[in-house]
């Protein structure tokens, strides 16, 4: 049986909402922050992030409790595709098609950038559905 790859972080519960959602604080560290000699170069990047987790399990959690938060790695690739790859494909397609039709570089370039506005508007309007798809869980 194949094991699902997961991205895991340790976190602390900061808030429990009335609709059974947990706000968990995780520390996102860069490669430098976890380096054993980071003090030598004075470059470190540790950032606290708050993630929202729906509590489907019915478990009882307390403020300040330490939890393991995980996220399926495949969802990270899907987010990368929706945020960067698909808009790039759309933009390049519009640029090539409009260049072949109009022959105007300026117009084609402007049109290829402007076509991203409706794309990101659609992403924004569907944020609730996307939020349900891209969710963290507690182990």
C-alpha atoms as a PDB file:
ATOM      1  CA  UNK A   1       0.000   0.000   0.000  1.00  0.00           C
ATOM      2  CA  UNK A   2       1.324   3.420  -0.954  1.00  0.00           C
ATOM      3  CA  UNK A   3       1.754   5.982   1.810  1.00  0.00           C
ATOM      4  CA  UNK A   4       0.364   9.470   1.185  1.00  0.00           C
ATOM      5  CA  UNK A   5       3.075  12.123   1.414  1.00  0.00           C
ATOM      6  CA  UNK A   6       2.277  14.791   3.970  1.00  0.00           C
ATOM      7  CA  UNK A   7       3.746  18.058   5.080  1.00  0.00           C
ATOM      8  CA  UNK A   8       3.715  18.273   8.869  1.00  0.00           C
ATOM      9  CA  UNK A   9       4.233  21.119  11.321  1.00  0.00           C
ATOM     10  CA  UNK A  10       3.973  21.390  15.057  1.00  0.00           C
ATOM     11  CA  UNK A  11       1.555  24.044  16.209  1.00  0.00           C
ATOM     12  CA  UNK A  12      -0.196  25.564  19.189  1.00  0.00           C
ATOM     13  CA  UNK A  13      -3.946  26.188  19.354  1.00  0.00           C
ATOM     14  CA  UNK A  14      -4.469  29.951  19.648  1.00  0.00           C
ATOM     15  CA  UNK A  15      -8.249  30.164  19.332  1.00  0.00           C
ATOM     16  CA  UNK A  16     -11.310  27.932  19.245  1.00  0.00           C
ATOM     17  CA  UNK A  17     -14.280  29.479  17.442  1.00  0.00           C
ATOM     18  CA  UNK A  18     -17.947  28.869  18.168  1.00  0.00           C
ATOM     19  CA  UNK A  19     -18.432  26.986  14.883  1.00  0.00           C
ATOM     20  CA  UNK A  20     -15.872  24.324  15.920  1.00  0.00           C
ATOM     21  CA  UNK A  21     -12.903  25.716  13.997  1.00  0.00           C
ATOM     22  CA  UNK A  22      -9.419  25.874  15.438  1.00  0.00           C
ATOM     23  CA  UNK A  23      -6.905  28.625  14.757  1.00  0.00           C
ATOM     24  CA  UNK A  24      -3.463  27.071  15.110  1.00  0.00           C
ATOM     25  CA  UNK A  25      -0.169  28.940  15.151  1.00  0.00           C
ATOM     26  CA  UNK A  26       2.691  27.255  13.305  1.00  0.00           C
ATOM     27  CA  UNK A  27       6.249  28.452  12.862  1.00  0.00           C
ATOM     28  CA  UNK A  28       7.300  28.512   9.224  1.00  0.00           C
ATOM     29  CA  UNK A  29      11.076  28.396   8.970  1.00  0.00           C
ATOM     30  CA  UNK A  30      13.328  28.891   6.003  1.00  0.00           C
ATOM     31  CA  UNK A  31      16.386  26.756   5.384  1.00  0.00           C
ATOM     32  CA  UNK A  32      18.541  29.304   7.202  1.00  0.00           C
ATOM     33  CA  UNK A  33      16.368  29.279  10.312  1.00  0.00           C
ATOM     34  CA  UNK A  34      16.908  25.576  10.889  1.00  0.00           C
ATOM     35  CA  UNK A  35      20.655  25.760  10.148  1.00  0.00           C
ATOM     36  CA  UNK A  36      22.936  25.030  13.096  1.00  0.00           C
ATOM     37  CA  UNK A  37      25.306  27.899  12.212  1.00  0.00           C
ATOM     38  CA  UNK A  38      22.688  30.543  11.469  1.00  0.00           C
ATOM     39  CA  UNK A  39      24.166  32.825  14.125  1.00  0.00           C
ATOM     40  CA  UNK A  40      27.373  33.131  12.146  1.00  0.00           C
ATOM     41  CA  UNK A  41      25.764  34.834   9.168  1.00  0.00           C
ATOM     42  CA  UNK A  42      22.884  36.648  10.937  1.00  0.00           C
ATOM     43  CA  UNK A  43      20.391  35.478   8.329  1.00  0.00           C
ATOM     44  CA  UNK A  44      17.313  33.825   9.731  1.00  0.00           C
ATOM     45  CA  UNK A  45      13.695  33.748   8.710  1.00  0.00           C
ATOM     46  CA  UNK A  46      11.157  32.423  11.176  1.00  0.00           C
ATOM     47  CA  UNK A  47       7.573  33.500  10.617  1.00  0.00           C
ATOM     48  CA  UNK A  48       4.487  32.662  12.654  1.00  0.00           C
ATOM     49  CA  UNK A  49       1.502  31.673  10.554  1.00  0.00           C
ATOM     50  CA  UNK A  50      -2.075  31.098  11.679  1.00  0.00           C
ATOM     51  CA  UNK A  51      -3.976  28.297   9.941  1.00  0.00           C
ATOM     52  CA  UNK A  52      -7.651  27.487  10.289  1.00  0.00           C
ATOM     53  CA  UNK A  53      -8.617  23.868  10.865  1.00  0.00           C
ATOM     54  CA  UNK A  54     -12.125  22.442  10.919  1.00  0.00           C
ATOM     55  CA  UNK A  55     -12.619  20.057  13.824  1.00  0.00           C
ATOM     56  CA  UNK A  56     -14.572  17.175  12.265  1.00  0.00           C
ATOM     57  CA  UNK A  57     -13.267  14.549  14.660  1.00  0.00           C
ATOM     58  CA  UNK A  58     -15.212  15.846  17.630  1.00  0.00           C
ATOM     59  CA  UNK A  59     -12.091  15.740  19.797  1.00  0.00           C
ATOM     60  CA  UNK A  60     -11.905  18.293  22.557  1.00  0.00           C
ATOM     61  CA  UNK A  61      -8.985  20.682  22.295  1.00  0.00           C
ATOM     62  CA  UNK A  62      -7.786  23.375  24.691  1.00  0.00           C
ATOM     63  CA  UNK A  63      -6.178  26.753  24.114  1.00  0.00           C
ATOM     64  CA  UNK A  64      -2.402  26.465  24.185  1.00  0.00           C
ATOM     65  CA  UNK A  65      -2.450  22.740  23.413  1.00  0.00           C
ATOM     66  CA  UNK A  66       0.349  21.498  21.174  1.00  0.00           C
ATOM     67  CA  UNK A  67      -0.853  19.662  18.070  1.00  0.00           C
ATOM     68  CA  UNK A  68       0.623  18.182  14.896  1.00  0.00           C
ATOM     69  CA  UNK A  69      -0.821  19.870  11.820  1.00  0.00           C
ATOM     70  CA  UNK A  70      -0.546  18.164   8.439  1.00  0.00           C
ATOM     71  CA  UNK A  71      -1.343  18.903   4.828  1.00  0.00           C
ATOM     72  CA  UNK A  72      -1.352  16.528   1.862  1.00  0.00           C
ATOM     73  CA  UNK A  73       1.584  17.255  -0.413  1.00  0.00           C
ATOM     74  CA  UNK A  74      -0.562  16.681  -3.502  1.00  0.00           C
ATOM     75  CA  UNK A  75      -2.728  19.646  -2.496  1.00  0.00           C
ATOM     76  CA  UNK A  76       0.372  21.813  -2.472  1.00  0.00           C
ATOM     77  CA  UNK A  77       1.039  20.874  -6.085  1.00  0.00           C
ATOM     78  CA  UNK A  78      -2.589  21.626  -6.969  1.00  0.00           C
ATOM     79  CA  UNK A  79      -2.290  25.062  -5.357  1.00  0.00           C
ATOM     80  CA  UNK A  80       0.910  25.682  -7.307  1.00  0.00           C
ATOM     81  CA  UNK A  81      -0.879  24.717 -10.521  1.00  0.00           C
ATOM     82  CA  UNK A  82      -3.865  27.023  -9.863  1.00  0.00           C
ATOM     83  CA  UNK A  83      -1.742  29.942  -8.685  1.00  0.00           C
ATOM     84  CA  UNK A  84       1.147  29.899 -11.148  1.00  0.00           C
ATOM     85  CA  UNK A  85       1.122  27.253 -13.886  1.00  0.00           C
ATOM     86  CA  UNK A  86      -2.431  27.653 -15.230  1.00  0.00           C
ATOM     87  CA  UNK A  87      -2.271  31.490 -15.330  1.00  0.00           C
ATOM     88  CA  UNK A  88       1.062  31.237 -17.170  1.00  0.00           C
ATOM     89  CA  UNK A  89      -0.437  28.836 -19.716  1.00  0.00           C
ATOM     90  CA  UNK A  90      -3.460  31.124 -20.208  1.00  0.00           C
ATOM     91  CA  UNK A  91      -1.279  34.206 -20.556  1.00  0.00           C
ATOM     92  CA  UNK A  92       1.109  32.612 -23.065  1.00  0.00           C
ATOM     93  CA  UNK A  93      -1.770  31.144 -25.095  1.00  0.00           C
ATOM     94  CA  UNK A  94      -3.498  34.518 -25.355  1.00  0.00           C
ATOM     95  CA  UNK A  95      -0.185  36.183 -26.242  1.00  0.00           C
ATOM     96  CA  UNK A  96       0.585  33.719 -29.051  1.00  0.00           C
ATOM     97  CA  UNK A  97      -2.962  33.699 -30.450  1.00  0.00           C
ATOM     98  CA  UNK A  98      -3.361  37.481 -30.357  1.00  0.00           C
ATOM     99  CA  UNK A  99       0.095  37.961 -31.919  1.00  0.00           C
ATOM    100  CA  UNK A 100      -0.840  35.683 -34.784  1.00  0.00           C
ATOM    101  CA  UNK A 101      -4.171  37.465 -35.314  1.00  0.00           C
ATOM    102  CA  UNK A 102      -3.226  41.136 -34.805  1.00  0.00           C
ATOM    103  CA  UNK A 103       0.544  41.221 -35.275  1.00  0.00           C
ATOM    104  CA  UNK A 104       0.766  43.978 -32.663  1.00  0.00           C
ATOM    105  CA  UNK A 105       3.206  43.184 -29.857  1.00  0.00           C
ATOM    106  CA  UNK A 106       1.963  45.960 -27.582  1.00  0.00           C
ATOM    107  CA  UNK A 107      -1.702  45.045 -27.891  1.00  0.00           C
ATOM    108  CA  UNK A 108      -0.959  41.324 -27.523  1.00  0.00           C
ATOM    109  CA  UNK A 109       1.159  41.897 -24.434  1.00  0.00           C
ATOM    110  CA  UNK A 110      -1.472  44.082 -22.807  1.00  0.00           C
ATOM    111  CA  UNK A 111      -4.243  41.634 -23.665  1.00  0.00           C
ATOM    112  CA  UNK A 112      -2.278  38.683 -22.277  1.00  0.00           C
ATOM    113  CA  UNK A 113      -1.857  40.508 -18.956  1.00  0.00           C
ATOM    114  CA  UNK A 114      -5.458  41.756 -18.825  1.00  0.00           C
ATOM    115  CA  UNK A 115      -6.838  38.248 -19.390  1.00  0.00           C
ATOM    116  CA  UNK A 116      -5.461  37.288 -15.959  1.00  0.00           C
ATOM    117  CA  UNK A 117      -7.852  39.683 -14.187  1.00  0.00           C
ATOM    118  CA  UNK A 118     -10.954  37.541 -14.884  1.00  0.00           C
ATOM    119  CA  UNK A 119      -8.991  34.396 -13.996  1.00  0.00           C
ATOM    120  CA  UNK A 120      -7.994  35.700 -10.571  1.00  0.00           C
ATOM    121  CA  UNK A 121     -11.484  37.157 -10.070  1.00  0.00           C
ATOM    122  CA  UNK A 122     -12.942  33.681 -10.636  1.00  0.00           C
ATOM    123  CA  UNK A 123     -10.444  32.263  -8.127  1.00  0.00           C
ATOM    124  CA  UNK A 124     -11.434  34.949  -5.637  1.00  0.00           C
ATOM    125  CA  UNK A 125     -15.165  34.321  -6.078  1.00  0.00           C
ATOM    126  CA  UNK A 126     -14.681  30.580  -5.603  1.00  0.00           C
ATOM    127  CA  UNK A 127     -12.492  31.004  -2.501  1.00  0.00           C
ATOM    128  CA  UNK A 128     -14.970  29.237  -0.185  1.00  0.00           C
ATOM    129  CA  UNK A 129     -14.908  26.078  -2.278  1.00  0.00           C
ATOM    130  CA  UNK A 130     -11.146  26.302  -2.643  1.00  0.00           C
ATOM    131  CA  UNK A 131     -10.796  26.802   1.116  1.00  0.00           C
ATOM    132  CA  UNK A 132     -12.656  23.526   1.708  1.00  0.00           C
ATOM    133  CA  UNK A 133     -10.390  21.689  -0.720  1.00  0.00           C
ATOM    134  CA  UNK A 134      -7.128  23.097   0.625  1.00  0.00           C
ATOM    135  CA  UNK A 135      -7.452  22.435   4.320  1.00  0.00           C
ATOM    136  CA  UNK A 136      -5.092  21.475   7.096  1.00  0.00           C
ATOM    137  CA  UNK A 137      -5.855  18.630   9.493  1.00  0.00           C
ATOM    138  CA  UNK A 138      -4.764  17.668  12.985  1.00  0.00           C
ATOM    139  CA  UNK A 139      -3.114  14.343  13.708  1.00  0.00           C
END
